[in-house]
Amino acid sequence: MSTETADYQEICAEVIRLLEHFAKPRFSIGEDTELVEDLGLESIQVMEIIQQIEDRFDISFPLNNLLEIRTVGDFVLQIQKEIKGA
């Protein structure tokens, strides 16, 4: 998958794959999964995920955009925005 041509579903699948490492066993992650409420991510975990996303998609993720992200879908849309702006 080229980051320039990555569509929403491809990015979503990759984000879910990365998040599964942080989820409870057998917890099903989807677009509506809330990162803090459902996954209970702590700030250090969020920073680790951001680093992995930046490496995977070759982007620089602005930390001030984190305030706009609640769900996996929000996260994917923000990644798409950064890819297109890159």
N, C-alpha and C. Protein backbone atom coordinates (compact mmCIF):
# COMPACT_ATOMS: atom_id res chain seq x y z
N MET A 1 0.84 -1.19 0.00
CA MET A 1 0.00 0.00 0.00
C MET A 1 0.88 1.23 0.00
N SER A 2 0.70 2.07 -0.98
CA SER A 2 1.40 3.35 -1.04
C SER A 2 0.63 4.35 -0.21
N THR A 3 1.36 5.15 0.58
CA THR A 3 0.66 6.10 1.44
C THR A 3 -0.09 7.14 0.62
N GLU A 4 0.38 7.45 -0.56
CA GLU A 4 -0.29 8.46 -1.39
C GLU A 4 -1.64 7.97 -1.90
N THR A 5 -1.79 6.67 -2.06
CA THR A 5 -3.03 6.13 -2.61
C THR A 5 -3.85 5.36 -1.57
N ALA A 6 -3.43 5.42 -0.33
CA ALA A 6 -4.15 4.70 0.72
C ALA A 6 -5.55 5.28 0.89
N ASP A 7 -6.54 4.39 0.84
CA ASP A 7 -7.89 4.87 1.05
C ASP A 7 -8.29 4.68 2.52
N TYR A 8 -9.45 5.16 2.85
CA TYR A 8 -9.93 5.14 4.23
C TYR A 8 -9.89 3.73 4.82
N GLN A 9 -10.40 2.74 4.08
CA GLN A 9 -10.48 1.37 4.59
C GLN A 9 -9.10 0.78 4.83
N GLU A 10 -8.14 1.07 3.95
CA GLU A 10 -6.78 0.55 4.13
C GLU A 10 -6.12 1.17 5.36
N ILE A 11 -6.30 2.47 5.53
CA ILE A 11 -5.73 3.15 6.70
C ILE A 11 -6.40 2.63 7.97
N CYS A 12 -7.71 2.48 7.92
CA CYS A 12 -8.46 1.99 9.08
C CYS A 12 -7.98 0.59 9.49
N ALA A 13 -7.79 -0.27 8.54
CA ALA A 13 -7.31 -1.63 8.84
C ALA A 13 -5.94 -1.59 9.50
N GLU A 14 -5.08 -0.72 9.01
CA GLU A 14 -3.73 -0.60 9.58
C GLU A 14 -3.78 -0.02 11.00
N VAL A 15 -4.61 0.98 11.22
CA VAL A 15 -4.75 1.57 12.55
C VAL A 15 -5.31 0.54 13.52
N ILE A 16 -6.32 -0.20 13.11
CA ILE A 16 -6.89 -1.24 13.97
C ILE A 16 -5.83 -2.28 14.31
N ARG A 17 -5.05 -2.66 13.32
CA ARG A 17 -3.99 -3.64 13.57
C ARG A 17 -3.02 -3.12 14.63
N LEU A 18 -2.65 -1.86 14.54
CA LEU A 18 -1.74 -1.27 15.53
C LEU A 18 -2.39 -1.18 16.91
N LEU A 19 -3.67 -0.82 16.94
CA LEU A 19 -4.37 -0.65 18.22
C LEU A 19 -4.64 -1.97 18.92
N GLU A 20 -4.73 -3.05 18.16
CA GLU A 20 -5.02 -4.36 18.77
C GLU A 20 -3.97 -4.74 19.81
N HIS A 21 -2.76 -4.24 19.63
CA HIS A 21 -1.69 -4.50 20.60
C HIS A 21 -2.04 -3.93 21.98
N PHE A 22 -2.84 -2.87 22.01
CA PHE A 22 -3.18 -2.18 23.24
C PHE A 22 -4.55 -2.56 23.80
N ALA A 23 -5.31 -3.32 23.04
CA ALA A 23 -6.67 -3.67 23.44
C ALA A 23 -6.69 -4.89 24.36
N LYS A 24 -7.78 -5.00 25.09
CA LYS A 24 -8.00 -6.19 25.92
C LYS A 24 -8.18 -7.39 25.00
N PRO A 25 -7.79 -8.57 25.47
CA PRO A 25 -7.98 -9.77 24.64
C PRO A 25 -9.44 -9.92 24.19
N ARG A 26 -9.61 -10.27 22.96
CA ARG A 26 -10.92 -10.50 22.34
C ARG A 26 -11.79 -9.25 22.25
N PHE A 27 -11.21 -8.07 22.46
CA PHE A 27 -11.96 -6.83 22.30
C PHE A 27 -11.97 -6.48 20.82
N SER A 28 -13.14 -6.27 20.28
CA SER A 28 -13.28 -5.98 18.85
C SER A 28 -13.19 -4.47 18.62
N ILE A 29 -12.19 -4.07 17.86
CA ILE A 29 -11.98 -2.65 17.56
C ILE A 29 -12.62 -2.33 16.21
N GLY A 30 -13.38 -1.25 16.16
CA GLY A 30 -14.01 -0.80 14.93
C GLY A 30 -13.87 0.71 14.81
N GLU A 31 -14.48 1.26 13.78
CA GLU A 31 -14.39 2.70 13.52
C GLU A 31 -14.96 3.54 14.66
N ASP A 32 -15.98 3.02 15.35
CA ASP A 32 -16.63 3.77 16.43
C ASP A 32 -15.99 3.55 17.79
N THR A 33 -14.96 2.73 17.85
CA THR A 33 -14.27 2.49 19.12
C THR A 33 -13.63 3.78 19.61
N GLU A 34 -13.91 4.13 20.86
CA GLU A 34 -13.32 5.34 21.44
C GLU A 34 -11.97 4.98 22.04
N LEU A 35 -10.98 5.79 21.70
CA LEU A 35 -9.61 5.49 22.09
C LEU A 35 -9.40 5.52 23.60
N VAL A 36 -10.01 6.47 24.28
CA VAL A 36 -9.83 6.57 25.73
C VAL A 36 -10.90 5.77 26.46
N GLU A 37 -12.15 5.99 26.12
CA GLU A 37 -13.25 5.32 26.83
C GLU A 37 -13.23 3.80 26.66
N ASP A 38 -13.08 3.34 25.43
CA ASP A 38 -13.16 1.91 25.17
C ASP A 38 -11.83 1.18 25.36
N LEU A 39 -10.75 1.80 24.87
CA LEU A 39 -9.45 1.15 24.96
C LEU A 39 -8.69 1.53 26.22
N GLY A 40 -9.08 2.64 26.84
CA GLY A 40 -8.42 3.08 28.07
C GLY A 40 -6.96 3.45 27.87
N LEU A 41 -6.65 4.02 26.70
CA LEU A 41 -5.27 4.38 26.41
C LEU A 41 -4.76 5.47 27.34
N GLU A 42 -3.53 5.31 27.78
CA GLU A 42 -2.87 6.33 28.58
C GLU A 42 -1.98 7.16 27.66
N SER A 43 -1.56 8.31 28.14
CA SER A 43 -0.82 9.25 27.29
C SER A 43 0.45 8.63 26.70
N ILE A 44 1.16 7.83 27.46
CA ILE A 44 2.38 7.21 26.93
C ILE A 44 2.05 6.23 25.81
N GLN A 45 0.92 5.54 25.93
CA GLN A 45 0.49 4.63 24.88
C GLN A 45 0.09 5.40 23.62
N VAL A 46 -0.59 6.51 23.81
CA VAL A 46 -0.98 7.35 22.68
C VAL A 46 0.28 7.82 21.93
N MET A 47 1.30 8.22 22.68
CA MET A 47 2.53 8.70 22.04
C MET A 47 3.21 7.56 21.26
N GLU A 48 3.17 6.36 21.80
CA GLU A 48 3.74 5.21 21.11
C GLU A 48 2.98 4.92 19.82
N ILE A 49 1.66 5.00 19.89
CA ILE A 49 0.83 4.77 18.70
C ILE A 49 1.11 5.84 17.65
N ILE A 50 1.19 7.09 18.09
CA ILE A 50 1.49 8.20 17.15
C ILE A 50 2.82 7.94 16.45
N GLN A 51 3.83 7.52 17.21
CA GLN A 51 5.14 7.23 16.61
C GLN A 51 5.03 6.13 15.56
N GLN A 52 4.28 5.08 15.88
CA GLN A 52 4.11 3.99 14.92
C GLN A 52 3.37 4.46 13.67
N ILE A 53 2.36 5.29 13.85
CA ILE A 53 1.60 5.83 12.72
C ILE A 53 2.50 6.71 11.85
N GLU A 54 3.29 7.56 12.50
CA GLU A 54 4.20 8.43 11.74
C GLU A 54 5.18 7.60 10.93
N ASP A 55 5.73 6.56 11.54
CA ASP A 55 6.68 5.70 10.82
C ASP A 55 6.00 4.95 9.69
N ARG A 56 4.81 4.42 9.96
CA ARG A 56 4.11 3.60 8.97
C ARG A 56 3.67 4.40 7.75
N PHE A 57 3.17 5.62 7.98
CA PHE A 57 2.62 6.41 6.89
C PHE A 57 3.53 7.55 6.44
N ASP A 58 4.72 7.63 7.03
CA ASP A 58 5.70 8.65 6.67
C ASP A 58 5.09 10.05 6.75
N ILE A 59 4.48 10.33 7.90
CA ILE A 59 3.89 11.65 8.14
C ILE A 59 4.39 12.17 9.48
N SER A 60 4.17 13.44 9.71
CA SER A 60 4.41 14.04 11.01
C SER A 60 3.05 14.43 11.56
N PHE A 61 2.67 13.82 12.65
CA PHE A 61 1.33 14.01 13.20
C PHE A 61 1.34 15.14 14.21
N PRO A 62 0.64 16.24 13.93
CA PRO A 62 0.61 17.37 14.87
C PRO A 62 -0.13 16.99 16.17
N LEU A 63 0.55 17.11 17.28
CA LEU A 63 -0.04 16.71 18.56
C LEU A 63 -1.26 17.55 18.93
N ASN A 64 -1.33 18.80 18.45
CA ASN A 64 -2.50 19.61 18.77
C ASN A 64 -3.77 19.05 18.11
N ASN A 65 -3.63 18.19 17.12
CA ASN A 65 -4.79 17.56 16.48
C ASN A 65 -5.38 16.44 17.33
N LEU A 66 -4.67 16.01 18.34
CA LEU A 66 -5.18 14.93 19.19
C LEU A 66 -6.47 15.32 19.90
N LEU A 67 -6.65 16.59 20.15
CA LEU A 67 -7.86 17.04 20.83
C LEU A 67 -9.12 16.77 20.02
N GLU A 68 -8.98 16.66 18.71
CA GLU A 68 -10.12 16.44 17.82
C GLU A 68 -10.44 14.96 17.62
N ILE A 69 -9.64 14.09 18.21
CA ILE A 69 -9.76 12.65 17.95
C ILE A 69 -10.35 11.94 19.16
N ARG A 70 -11.50 11.30 18.94
CA ARG A 70 -12.12 10.48 19.99
C ARG A 70 -12.19 9.02 19.59
N THR A 71 -12.49 8.79 18.31
CA THR A 71 -12.71 7.42 17.85
C THR A 71 -11.64 6.99 16.85
N VAL A 72 -11.64 5.71 16.55
CA VAL A 72 -10.73 5.19 15.53
C VAL A 72 -11.01 5.89 14.20
N GLY A 73 -12.28 6.08 13.86
CA GLY A 73 -12.65 6.76 12.62
C GLY A 73 -12.10 8.17 12.56
N ASP A 74 -12.19 8.91 13.68
CA ASP A 74 -11.61 10.26 13.74
C ASP A 74 -10.11 10.21 13.46
N PHE A 75 -9.45 9.22 14.04
CA PHE A 75 -8.01 9.06 13.90
C PHE A 75 -7.65 8.79 12.43
N VAL A 76 -8.41 7.92 11.80
CA VAL A 76 -8.17 7.58 10.39
C VAL A 76 -8.35 8.81 9.51
N LEU A 77 -9.40 9.57 9.74
CA LEU A 77 -9.62 10.79 8.94
C LEU A 77 -8.48 11.77 9.11
N GLN A 78 -7.97 11.89 10.33
CA GLN A 78 -6.85 12.80 10.57
C GLN A 78 -5.58 12.32 9.86
N ILE A 79 -5.36 11.01 9.87
CA ILE A 79 -4.20 10.45 9.16
C ILE A 79 -4.33 10.72 7.67
N GLN A 80 -5.53 10.50 7.12
CA GLN A 80 -5.78 10.78 5.70
C GLN A 80 -5.45 12.23 5.37
N LYS A 81 -5.90 13.11 6.24
CA LYS A 81 -5.65 14.55 6.04
C LYS A 81 -4.16 14.84 6.02
N GLU A 82 -3.41 14.22 6.92
CA GLU A 82 -1.97 14.44 6.97
C GLU A 82 -1.28 13.85 5.74
N ILE A 83 -1.73 12.70 5.29
CA ILE A 83 -1.15 12.09 4.09
C ILE A 83 -1.36 12.99 2.88
N LYS A 84 -2.55 13.49 2.73
CA LYS A 84 -2.87 14.34 1.57
C LYS A 84 -2.15 15.69 1.65
N GLY A 85 -1.89 16.15 2.87
CA GLY A 85 -1.19 17.42 3.04
C GLY A 85 0.31 17.31 2.91
N ALA A 86 0.79 16.05 2.96
CA ALA A 86 2.25 15.81 2.91
C ALA A 86 2.79 16.04 1.52
